[in-house]
Structures are given as C-alpha cells and as structure tokens.
Amino acid sequence: MYVHAVSPFICDPLDNIDGLKADLKNYTDFFFRRVNKFILLSLMGVHRCVHGKEIDKSIAVYLATENGNLGDTENVLHQMYRENSFPKPFNFINTMSNTASFYVAQSLKSLGRSITVSSKNVSFERALELAMVDFKQGQVKEALVGGVDEAVLSREYFMEKYDQAYHDVKLVEGSGWLYLTADAAGALGKVDDVRTFEDRDEAIKWTHDNAGTGFTIAFGILMTPQEKEIWKKACTPKEELDYIGMNGFYDTAAAFAVSTFFGTCKENALVHINRNTQGQYVIILCSRG
C-alpha cells in the first residue's frame, strides 16, 4: 500500500465546535448540518488529507476508533438517567459511531466500502491490517485509513485504563489519516507490513531483521519506559519519535504517529510498536520511497 497523502490533525479538547466547522470549510464545500464533534473530527482529518487531490469514487474508508462518539453518548445517558427523559433524536442517532464513516463517504461521494473498526488499544493497526488484506486481494485500489477519537476528559479513567502510563500527558482530540493507493508513482512511501506477536523476543527479532538501519522508532501508550529501553537496545534505531510526549494522546494516536512520520520525519523507515491489553505486540513497518 503506497502512501500518497497524510493528515496528522490534533487539537485541544473542544467545548464549542463552531471553530472546527469553520476550519472544515477551508477544505470542503460539503454541506453538513446537525453533525457532532466526532463526525467533524473525522471529516476534518479526511478532507485535510485529500484536499486538492482527485480521488476515485470507489475509494474505501476504514475509520478506526477506540471510543467512538463519546460526547453524544454522554448526552444521551445524561438525558435518560439524570433528567429522566427520552433522549433527543439527534443525540440518540449519533451515538452510533459508524455514522461518522457514512458522513466521510458521503462527503467524498464514495461508492466504495465504508467500515468502522475498533479493537482494544490497536484499533488503527487493525484498520490498516484490514485495508492491506483488501489491497492484496484486489478488492480495493484506493483507501483512506484513519484513527479518530475525542479526548477522554476523565483523568482517573485514563490512568486506570493505561496503568498510569504517561500520567502527565496532555489529552487531545485527534484525527490522523493516510491516503493509500496501489500505485507507487509519486508516493511518499509505503506501509510495508502490520504484524502481531504473542512473544516480545519474537517481535524484537522480526523488527531487527526487517527494519534495516537508520529507522525511526515510536511506541504506543502501554509501552513502559523499561520496555522501550529493551527495544531500543536490541534494535538500535537512529531516533525515537515521542509523538505522545510531544503532542498529547488520543486513543488511536498511532494514526497520528504514522502520518507525522510521512509528513515531517527524515529517516528511511518507521517502526511503530504498540501493545494491547491482552499483551500482544502489534508492529507497523513503513518506509519512504
């Protein structure tokens, strides 16, 4: 899968989405009404990614999200259990997080497949993996793969979920996307592989054998400082992309890491290492050229 455009979009937690709506109009004339923050984040990331490009109407959309539509889900629960009333129809409909991928496809006038993917702590990796399978089988020739999540506002929940890793990290809203095609001409680079390992030593050996020299390494949220040192000592990367420490965290931030690599990093390859709650290691290998 060849990468032709990227969009690493993040912003501070938003209480008012009017500014996001105004910014989106710089990238698309798609008329949207009664959309929520999660949908707007999805649209913003996608249209920043493909702005100025001619895309095929068969383009597929793979939207990865860990938490989905947090804002409207919270609103509906508040209406039902705090106000003892029926939920408002607009809020209720938009609790279905896969409406975002529909809006994305509609705004692109896409007739291709539109899929929402979620998998604990490795949602973006699974979406990328699914797209790779579809490319290999010839089912897809163009695709948009992204990770979108609203900021988790509960610091206590964040620390409990991630075992207090990065306990001082800034929590942000994010929408990172890759525009992928089967054509190498003019590409920024390519996604070489997405691999899952049950054993750390096996994962390290595969990385050492496949990443080459002079690569950038990046780590997901559940990778502890001790584990990072083990990986860096065994694989000897040229540099680390500490995208969480520098920019903040949202739950599909691996998408931000990959899109940032193709947008600004200078090394030949990126190895992104993440770990899910079951202890599996999931590795994304990307390269330039």
Protein backbone atom coordinates (compact mmCIF):
# COMPACT_ATOMS: atom_id res chain seq x y z
CA MET A 1 0.00 0.00 0.00
CA TYR A 2 1.55 3.27 -1.13
CA VAL A 3 1.04 6.47 0.87
CA HIS A 4 0.17 9.49 -1.25
CA ALA A 5 -1.03 11.97 1.38
CA VAL A 6 -1.30 12.26 5.15
CA SER A 7 -3.09 14.38 7.72
CA PRO A 8 -1.91 14.35 11.34
CA PHE A 9 -4.61 16.52 12.93
CA ILE A 10 -4.90 17.13 16.68
CA CYS A 11 -6.43 19.89 18.78
CA ASP A 12 -7.19 20.73 22.38
CA PRO A 13 -10.46 19.36 23.83
CA LEU A 14 -13.33 21.35 22.35
CA ASP A 15 -16.41 22.55 24.18
CA ASN A 16 -17.61 24.55 21.18
CA ILE A 17 -17.38 23.01 17.69
CA ASP A 18 -18.12 26.19 15.71
CA GLY A 19 -14.43 26.81 15.12
CA LEU A 20 -13.98 23.27 13.82
CA LYS A 21 -16.91 23.76 11.44
CA ALA A 22 -15.37 27.00 10.14
CA ASP A 23 -11.96 25.36 9.62
CA LEU A 24 -13.51 22.43 7.76
CA LYS A 25 -15.00 24.82 5.18
CA ASN A 26 -11.43 25.61 4.09
CA TYR A 27 -11.09 22.04 2.82
CA THR A 28 -14.52 21.05 1.51
CA ASP A 29 -17.77 22.58 0.32
CA PHE A 30 -19.71 19.55 1.59
CA PHE A 31 -22.89 20.81 3.25
CA PHE A 32 -23.26 19.34 6.70
CA ARG A 33 -25.86 20.06 9.35
CA ARG A 34 -26.56 18.66 12.77
CA VAL A 35 -23.26 16.83 12.95
CA ASN A 36 -21.39 16.36 16.20
CA LYS A 37 -17.76 16.66 17.27
CA PHE A 38 -16.79 13.08 16.45
CA ILE A 39 -18.14 13.39 12.90
CA LEU A 40 -16.49 16.79 12.45
CA LEU A 41 -13.13 15.42 13.59
CA SER A 42 -13.47 12.60 11.07
CA LEU A 43 -14.37 14.98 8.25
CA MET A 44 -11.58 17.40 9.16
CA GLY A 45 -8.89 14.72 9.07
CA VAL A 46 -10.10 13.19 5.81
CA HIS A 47 -10.52 16.42 3.88
CA ARG A 48 -7.19 17.82 5.03
CA CYS A 49 -5.67 14.58 3.76
CA VAL A 50 -7.21 14.56 0.25
CA HIS A 51 -7.50 18.32 -0.27
CA GLY A 52 -6.56 19.18 -3.86
CA LYS A 53 -6.36 15.55 -4.95
CA GLU A 54 -8.55 13.71 -7.42
CA ILE A 55 -9.79 10.56 -5.76
CA ASP A 56 -11.67 7.69 -7.30
CA LYS A 57 -15.34 7.24 -6.49
CA SER A 58 -14.60 3.65 -5.49
CA ILE A 59 -12.30 4.77 -2.67
CA ALA A 60 -12.75 2.74 0.53
CA VAL A 61 -12.94 4.26 4.01
CA TYR A 62 -11.56 2.49 7.08
CA LEU A 63 -12.30 4.59 10.15
CA ALA A 64 -10.67 3.30 13.34
CA THR A 65 -11.83 4.46 16.75
CA GLU A 66 -11.27 3.25 20.26
CA ASN A 67 -14.14 5.05 21.98
CA GLY A 68 -16.40 6.24 19.20
CA ASN A 69 -18.83 9.03 19.86
CA LEU A 70 -18.18 9.93 23.48
CA GLY A 71 -19.91 13.30 23.50
CA ASP A 72 -23.37 12.28 22.31
CA THR A 73 -23.27 9.02 24.25
CA GLU A 74 -22.69 11.03 27.42
CA ASN A 75 -25.51 13.41 26.46
CA VAL A 76 -27.97 10.55 25.90
CA LEU A 77 -27.08 8.86 29.19
CA HIS A 78 -27.48 12.19 30.99
CA GLN A 79 -30.90 12.76 29.40
CA MET A 80 -32.07 9.27 30.32
CA TYR A 81 -30.64 8.82 33.82
CA ARG A 82 -30.20 12.35 35.15
CA GLU A 83 -33.12 14.12 33.53
CA ASN A 84 -35.37 11.03 33.45
CA SER A 85 -36.46 11.83 29.90
CA PHE A 86 -36.31 10.32 26.45
CA PRO A 87 -33.07 11.14 24.60
CA LYS A 88 -33.17 13.76 21.87
CA PRO A 89 -33.37 12.06 18.44
CA PHE A 90 -30.28 13.79 17.06
CA ASN A 91 -28.16 12.80 20.05
CA PHE A 92 -29.53 9.26 20.04
CA ILE A 93 -28.88 8.66 16.32
CA ASN A 94 -25.32 9.92 16.58
CA THR A 95 -24.42 7.56 19.42
CA MET A 96 -23.93 5.08 16.57
CA SER A 97 -20.27 5.77 15.90
CA ASN A 98 -20.36 4.26 12.41
CA THR A 99 -22.39 7.26 11.24
CA ALA A 100 -19.05 9.10 11.01
CA SER A 101 -17.73 6.76 8.30
CA PHE A 102 -21.02 7.26 6.44
CA TYR A 103 -20.59 11.05 6.54
CA VAL A 104 -17.00 10.69 5.35
CA ALA A 105 -18.04 8.50 2.41
CA GLN A 106 -20.96 10.80 1.58
CA SER A 107 -18.74 13.91 1.60
CA LEU A 108 -16.28 12.17 -0.77
CA LYS A 109 -19.13 10.89 -2.97
CA SER A 110 -17.61 7.46 -2.49
CA LEU A 111 -19.39 4.32 -3.64
CA GLY A 112 -16.76 2.04 -2.10
CA ARG A 113 -16.83 0.15 1.17
CA SER A 114 -17.08 2.16 4.38
CA ILE A 115 -16.05 0.39 7.57
CA THR A 116 -15.65 1.35 11.24
CA VAL A 117 -13.04 -0.68 13.13
CA SER A 118 -12.42 -0.94 16.87
CA SER A 119 -10.02 -3.23 18.70
CA LYS A 120 -8.73 -2.58 22.22
CA ASN A 121 -5.74 -0.23 22.05
CA VAL A 122 -4.80 -1.28 18.49
CA SER A 123 -7.82 -0.05 16.54
CA PHE A 124 -5.80 1.84 13.92
CA GLU A 125 -3.47 -1.10 13.42
CA ARG A 126 -6.43 -3.42 12.78
CA ALA A 127 -7.95 -0.99 10.28
CA LEU A 128 -4.62 -0.75 8.46
CA GLU A 129 -4.32 -4.53 8.52
CA LEU A 130 -7.81 -4.94 7.04
CA ALA A 131 -7.04 -2.44 4.29
CA MET A 132 -3.83 -4.33 3.49
CA VAL A 133 -5.74 -7.59 3.06
CA ASP A 134 -8.25 -5.88 0.75
CA PHE A 135 -5.43 -4.40 -1.35
CA LYS A 136 -3.69 -7.77 -1.66
CA GLN A 137 -6.92 -9.44 -2.77
CA GLY A 138 -7.55 -6.74 -5.36
CA GLN A 139 -10.78 -5.63 -3.69
CA VAL A 140 -9.52 -2.07 -3.18
CA LYS A 141 -7.32 0.23 -5.28
CA GLU A 142 -7.63 3.40 -3.19
CA ALA A 143 -8.34 3.79 0.50
CA LEU A 144 -8.44 6.25 3.36
CA VAL A 145 -7.39 4.76 6.68
CA GLY A 146 -7.58 6.87 9.81
CA GLY A 147 -7.86 6.93 13.57
CA VAL A 148 -10.35 9.30 15.20
CA ASP A 149 -11.11 9.83 18.88
CA GLU A 150 -12.35 12.56 21.15
CA ALA A 151 -10.30 13.42 24.21
CA VAL A 152 -11.03 11.37 27.32
CA LEU A 153 -11.90 14.01 29.90
CA SER A 154 -11.61 11.75 32.94
CA ARG A 155 -8.00 11.73 34.10
CA GLU A 156 -8.86 8.98 36.61
CA TYR A 157 -10.27 6.74 33.86
CA PHE A 158 -7.24 7.40 31.68
CA MET A 159 -4.79 6.45 34.45
CA GLU A 160 -6.76 3.32 35.35
CA LYS A 161 -7.02 2.16 31.74
CA TYR A 162 -3.36 2.70 30.93
CA ASP A 163 -1.87 1.68 34.26
CA GLN A 164 -0.87 5.27 34.96
CA ALA A 165 1.49 5.32 31.99
CA TYR A 166 2.17 8.88 30.79
CA HIS A 167 0.20 10.14 33.79
CA ASP A 168 1.14 13.74 32.98
CA VAL A 169 0.40 13.51 29.25
CA LYS A 170 -1.84 16.05 27.60
CA LEU A 171 -5.18 14.59 26.44
CA VAL A 172 -6.24 15.83 22.99
CA GLU A 173 -8.75 15.27 20.21
CA GLY A 174 -7.29 13.64 17.12
CA SER A 175 -7.96 12.59 13.54
CA GLY A 176 -4.95 11.13 11.70
CA TRP A 177 -5.37 9.78 8.15
CA LEU A 178 -3.46 8.12 5.31
CA TYR A 179 -4.46 8.24 1.65
CA LEU A 180 -3.35 4.91 0.18
CA THR A 181 -3.32 3.53 -3.35
CA ALA A 182 -1.87 0.55 -5.19
CA ASP A 183 0.19 2.89 -7.42
CA ALA A 184 3.83 3.60 -6.48
CA ALA A 185 4.21 6.62 -8.80
CA GLY A 186 4.56 9.85 -6.82
CA ALA A 187 4.09 8.16 -3.43
CA LEU A 188 5.55 9.49 -0.18
CA GLY A 189 6.33 5.90 0.78
CA LYS A 190 4.51 2.74 1.68
CA VAL A 191 3.09 0.68 4.51
CA ASP A 192 5.23 -2.43 4.34
CA ASP A 193 3.61 -4.62 6.97
CA VAL A 194 1.42 -4.89 10.05
CA ARG A 195 2.38 -7.81 12.30
CA THR A 196 1.06 -9.21 15.60
CA PHE A 197 3.23 -11.18 18.02
CA GLU A 198 2.43 -13.01 21.23
CA ASP A 199 6.08 -13.04 22.34
CA ARG A 200 8.26 -9.95 22.80
CA ASP A 201 11.52 -11.64 21.85
CA GLU A 202 9.98 -12.87 18.61
CA ALA A 203 8.68 -9.37 17.89
CA ILE A 204 12.09 -7.83 18.57
CA LYS A 205 13.82 -10.35 16.28
CA TRP A 206 11.37 -9.65 13.45
CA THR A 207 11.94 -5.90 13.86
CA HIS A 208 15.71 -6.33 13.90
CA ASP A 209 15.57 -8.45 10.73
CA ASN A 210 13.13 -6.28 8.76
CA ALA A 211 13.59 -2.63 9.75
CA GLY A 212 17.08 -2.21 8.31
CA THR A 213 19.28 0.64 9.50
CA GLY A 214 18.60 4.30 10.12
CA PHE A 215 14.96 3.95 11.12
CA THR A 216 12.71 5.89 13.46
CA ILE A 217 11.03 4.04 16.32
CA ALA A 218 7.79 5.02 18.04
CA PHE A 219 5.88 3.46 20.92
CA GLY A 220 2.24 3.18 21.92
CA ILE A 221 0.82 4.19 25.27
CA LEU A 222 1.18 0.84 27.04
CA MET A 223 4.88 0.50 26.30
CA THR A 224 6.65 1.21 29.59
CA PRO A 225 9.98 3.09 29.83
CA GLN A 226 11.69 -0.19 30.73
CA GLU A 227 10.27 -1.93 27.66
CA LYS A 228 11.25 0.95 25.42
CA GLU A 229 14.86 0.65 26.53
CA ILE A 230 14.84 -3.09 25.80
CA TRP A 231 13.57 -2.47 22.27
CA LYS A 232 15.97 0.38 21.56
CA LYS A 233 18.97 -1.57 22.83
CA ALA A 234 18.07 -4.62 20.73
CA CYS A 235 17.06 -2.84 17.52
CA THR A 236 19.31 0.29 17.59
CA PRO A 237 17.03 2.84 15.89
CA LYS A 238 18.50 6.14 14.74
CA GLU A 239 15.90 8.19 16.60
CA GLU A 240 12.68 7.96 18.61
CA LEU A 241 9.51 9.75 17.62
CA ASP A 242 7.95 10.52 21.01
CA TYR A 243 4.70 11.72 19.50
CA ILE A 244 2.71 11.23 22.71
CA GLY A 245 5.10 13.19 24.90
CA MET A 246 5.40 16.00 22.35
CA ASN A 247 1.82 16.35 21.13
CA GLY A 248 -0.54 14.62 23.57
CA PHE A 249 -2.62 11.48 23.43
CA TYR A 250 -5.88 10.26 21.97
CA ASP A 251 -6.80 6.60 21.79
CA THR A 252 -5.99 5.99 18.12
CA ALA A 253 -2.87 8.15 18.19
CA ALA A 254 -0.90 5.52 16.26
CA ALA A 255 -2.55 7.07 13.18
CA PHE A 256 -1.04 10.41 14.18
CA ALA A 257 2.40 8.80 14.56
CA VAL A 258 2.38 7.23 11.09
CA SER A 259 1.02 10.33 9.36
CA THR A 260 3.56 12.52 11.22
CA PHE A 261 6.39 10.27 10.06
CA PHE A 262 5.48 10.69 6.40
CA GLY A 263 4.81 14.39 6.89
CA THR A 264 7.91 15.56 8.77
CA CYS A 265 10.43 12.83 9.71
CA LYS A 266 13.57 12.37 7.60
CA GLU A 267 14.58 8.78 8.30
CA ASN A 268 14.04 5.99 5.78
CA ALA A 269 11.64 3.88 7.83
CA LEU A 270 9.31 3.90 10.82
CA VAL A 271 8.69 1.07 13.25
CA HIS A 272 5.66 1.73 15.47
CA ILE A 273 5.28 -0.69 18.35
CA ASN A 274 2.07 -0.95 20.31
CA ARG A 275 0.73 -3.38 22.85
CA ASN A 276 -2.88 -4.27 23.57
CA THR A 277 -4.48 -5.23 26.86
CA GLN A 278 -4.02 -8.93 26.06
CA GLY A 279 -0.24 -8.46 25.93
CA GLN A 280 0.12 -8.86 22.17
CA TYR A 281 2.64 -6.68 20.34
CA VAL A 282 1.44 -5.09 17.12
CA ILE A 283 4.06 -3.57 14.81
CA ILE A 284 3.57 -1.22 11.87
CA LEU A 285 6.52 -1.02 9.46
CA CYS A 286 6.59 1.87 6.99
CA SER A 287 9.25 3.12 4.58
CA ARG A 288 9.92 6.04 2.29
CA GLY A 289 10.30 5.87 -1.46
